[in-house]
Amino acid sequence: MLKKKQKRQSLSDYLRYMHMLEEGYSFRYISNHYGSDEKFLKVLWQRYQELGIDGLKKRSYFRSTPEIKRQIVLDIEKNHLPLHAASIKYGPCTTLIVRWLR
């Protein structure tokens, strides 16, 4: 199975996707028609709902310390915090958090 190469998406693309979700389009529809990752869209949607348009902007580099990593991992494990919620609460991207959980 060949995977489509994803084009680089801009803030205006993300904003268009959020408006489509508000209009009732599904994550799968947007993913299939615009080549965006469905899981990533769900994270963007959550950030958009919590932070507005600022949640869609590219975030700066997250510098972590062992204490912060430990706090995030413990919060996820103890409180069953979803990855996207931890990403919004603490700042690092979900990919980075998954690496720490391993």
C-alpha atoms as a PDB file:
ATOM      1  CA  MET A   1       0.000   0.000   0.000  1.00  0.00           C
ATOM      2  CA  LEU A   2       1.434   3.329  -1.063  1.00  0.00           C
ATOM      3  CA  LYS A   3       1.188   6.221   1.284  1.00  0.00           C
ATOM      4  CA  LYS A   4       0.460   9.683  -0.089  1.00  0.00           C
ATOM      5  CA  LYS A   5       3.188  12.202   0.500  1.00  0.00           C
ATOM      6  CA  GLN A   6       1.841  14.879   2.802  1.00  0.00           C
ATOM      7  CA  LYS A   7       2.219  18.472   1.703  1.00  0.00           C
ATOM      8  CA  ARG A   8       3.426  21.043   4.162  1.00  0.00           C
ATOM      9  CA  GLN A   9       0.374  22.659   5.688  1.00  0.00           C
ATOM     10  CA  SER A  10       0.030  26.234   6.819  1.00  0.00           C
ATOM     11  CA  LEU A  11      -1.915  27.965   9.550  1.00  0.00           C
ATOM     12  CA  SER A  12      -4.615  28.882   7.014  1.00  0.00           C
ATOM     13  CA  ASP A  13      -4.952  25.178   6.073  1.00  0.00           C
ATOM     14  CA  TYR A  14      -5.380  24.230   9.726  1.00  0.00           C
ATOM     15  CA  LEU A  15      -7.932  26.988  10.227  1.00  0.00           C
ATOM     16  CA  ARG A  16      -9.885  25.759   7.189  1.00  0.00           C
ATOM     17  CA  TYR A  17      -9.929  22.242   8.671  1.00  0.00           C
ATOM     18  CA  MET A  18     -11.218  23.575  11.993  1.00  0.00           C
ATOM     19  CA  HIS A  19     -14.033  25.433  10.245  1.00  0.00           C
ATOM     20  CA  MET A  20     -14.887  22.261   8.327  1.00  0.00           C
ATOM     21  CA  LEU A  21     -15.067  20.342  11.614  1.00  0.00           C
ATOM     22  CA  GLU A  22     -17.362  23.023  13.026  1.00  0.00           C
ATOM     23  CA  GLU A  23     -19.575  22.591   9.964  1.00  0.00           C
ATOM     24  CA  GLY A  24     -19.860  18.866  10.634  1.00  0.00           C
ATOM     25  CA  TYR A  25     -17.212  17.283   8.402  1.00  0.00           C
ATOM     26  CA  SER A  26     -15.499  14.269   9.948  1.00  0.00           C
ATOM     27  CA  PHE A  27     -11.811  13.907  10.816  1.00  0.00           C
ATOM     28  CA  ARG A  28     -11.613  10.991   8.368  1.00  0.00           C
ATOM     29  CA  TYR A  29     -13.095  13.028   5.509  1.00  0.00           C
ATOM     30  CA  ILE A  30     -10.607  15.864   6.005  1.00  0.00           C
ATOM     31  CA  SER A  31      -7.750  13.404   6.393  1.00  0.00           C
ATOM     32  CA  ASN A  32      -8.622  11.549   3.195  1.00  0.00           C
ATOM     33  CA  HIS A  33      -9.272  14.638   1.080  1.00  0.00           C
ATOM     34  CA  TYR A  34      -6.455  16.894   2.265  1.00  0.00           C
ATOM     35  CA  GLY A  35      -3.733  14.406   3.223  1.00  0.00           C
ATOM     36  CA  SER A  36      -3.512  15.368   6.871  1.00  0.00           C
ATOM     37  CA  ASP A  37      -3.006  12.797   9.625  1.00  0.00           C
ATOM     38  CA  GLU A  38      -6.286  12.015  11.417  1.00  0.00           C
ATOM     39  CA  LYS A  39      -4.691  11.765  14.878  1.00  0.00           C
ATOM     40  CA  PHE A  40      -2.901  15.054  14.357  1.00  0.00           C
ATOM     41  CA  LEU A  41      -6.195  16.679  13.332  1.00  0.00           C
ATOM     42  CA  LYS A  42      -7.756  15.498  16.586  1.00  0.00           C
ATOM     43  CA  VAL A  43      -4.921  17.063  18.579  1.00  0.00           C
ATOM     44  CA  LEU A  44      -5.266  20.303  16.608  1.00  0.00           C
ATOM     45  CA  TRP A  45      -9.031  20.287  17.194  1.00  0.00           C
ATOM     46  CA  GLN A  46      -8.544  19.926  20.943  1.00  0.00           C
ATOM     47  CA  ARG A  47      -5.954  22.715  20.992  1.00  0.00           C
ATOM     48  CA  TYR A  48      -8.201  24.920  18.858  1.00  0.00           C
ATOM     49  CA  GLN A  49     -11.106  24.411  21.246  1.00  0.00           C
ATOM     50  CA  GLU A  50      -8.975  25.224  24.280  1.00  0.00           C
ATOM     51  CA  LEU A  51      -6.710  27.993  22.932  1.00  0.00           C
ATOM     52  CA  GLY A  52      -8.410  29.292  19.787  1.00  0.00           C
ATOM     53  CA  ILE A  53      -6.272  30.172  16.786  1.00  0.00           C
ATOM     54  CA  ASP A  54      -3.147  30.291  18.993  1.00  0.00           C
ATOM     55  CA  GLY A  55      -3.510  26.529  19.448  1.00  0.00           C
ATOM     56  CA  LEU A  56      -2.955  26.048  15.721  1.00  0.00           C
ATOM     57  CA  LYS A  57       0.266  28.034  15.521  1.00  0.00           C
ATOM     58  CA  LYS A  58       3.604  26.285  15.392  1.00  0.00           C
ATOM     59  CA  ARG A  59       4.984  25.937  18.864  1.00  0.00           C
ATOM     60  CA  SER A  60       8.490  26.768  19.908  1.00  0.00           C
ATOM     61  CA  TYR A  61      11.032  24.192  20.988  1.00  0.00           C
ATOM     62  CA  PHE A  62      10.199  22.579  24.327  1.00  0.00           C
ATOM     63  CA  ARG A  63      13.164  22.233  26.664  1.00  0.00           C
ATOM     64  CA  SER A  64      12.582  19.510  29.213  1.00  0.00           C
ATOM     65  CA  THR A  65      14.279  18.537  32.404  1.00  0.00           C
ATOM     66  CA  PRO A  66      14.143  15.086  33.998  1.00  0.00           C
ATOM     67  CA  GLU A  67      11.785  16.493  36.653  1.00  0.00           C
ATOM     68  CA  ILE A  68       9.326  17.836  34.077  1.00  0.00           C
ATOM     69  CA  LYS A  69       9.401  14.561  32.118  1.00  0.00           C
ATOM     70  CA  ARG A  70       8.719  12.611  35.286  1.00  0.00           C
ATOM     71  CA  GLN A  71       5.866  14.934  36.303  1.00  0.00           C
ATOM     72  CA  ILE A  72       4.198  14.616  32.884  1.00  0.00           C
ATOM     73  CA  VAL A  73       4.540  10.812  32.788  1.00  0.00           C
ATOM     74  CA  LEU A  74       3.190  10.476  36.337  1.00  0.00           C
ATOM     75  CA  ASP A  75       0.256  12.760  35.583  1.00  0.00           C
ATOM     76  CA  ILE A  76      -0.631  10.686  32.516  1.00  0.00           C
ATOM     77  CA  GLU A  77      -0.346   7.385  34.378  1.00  0.00           C
ATOM     78  CA  LYS A  78      -2.070   8.410  37.629  1.00  0.00           C
ATOM     79  CA  ASN A  79      -4.855  10.558  36.208  1.00  0.00           C
ATOM     80  CA  HIS A  80      -5.275   8.711  32.882  1.00  0.00           C
ATOM     81  CA  LEU A  81      -4.625  11.989  31.091  1.00  0.00           C
ATOM     82  CA  PRO A  82      -4.881  11.663  27.279  1.00  0.00           C
ATOM     83  CA  LEU A  83      -1.764  12.556  25.305  1.00  0.00           C
ATOM     84  CA  HIS A  84      -3.319  15.569  23.618  1.00  0.00           C
ATOM     85  CA  ALA A  85      -4.493  16.904  26.994  1.00  0.00           C
ATOM     86  CA  ALA A  86      -0.984  16.492  28.439  1.00  0.00           C
ATOM     87  CA  SER A  87       0.425  18.246  25.375  1.00  0.00           C
ATOM     88  CA  ILE A  88      -1.889  21.212  25.918  1.00  0.00           C
ATOM     89  CA  LYS A  89      -1.343  21.306  29.681  1.00  0.00           C
ATOM     90  CA  TYR A  90       2.470  21.062  29.683  1.00  0.00           C
ATOM     91  CA  GLY A  91       3.625  22.126  26.208  1.00  0.00           C
ATOM     92  CA  PRO A  92       5.568  19.293  24.534  1.00  0.00           C
ATOM     93  CA  CYS A  93       4.195  17.614  21.415  1.00  0.00           C
ATOM     94  CA  THR A  94       2.484  14.234  21.727  1.00  0.00           C
ATOM     95  CA  THR A  95       5.321  12.470  19.863  1.00  0.00           C
ATOM     96  CA  LEU A  96       7.788  13.594  22.505  1.00  0.00           C
ATOM     97  CA  ILE A  97       5.501  12.463  25.323  1.00  0.00           C
ATOM     98  CA  VAL A  98       5.094   9.014  23.740  1.00  0.00           C
ATOM     99  CA  ARG A  99       8.883   8.694  23.689  1.00  0.00           C
ATOM    100  CA  TRP A 100       9.062   9.486  27.412  1.00  0.00           C
ATOM    101  CA  LEU A 101       6.336   6.962  28.201  1.00  0.00           C
ATOM    102  CA  ARG A 102       8.389   4.203  26.580  1.00  0.00           C
END
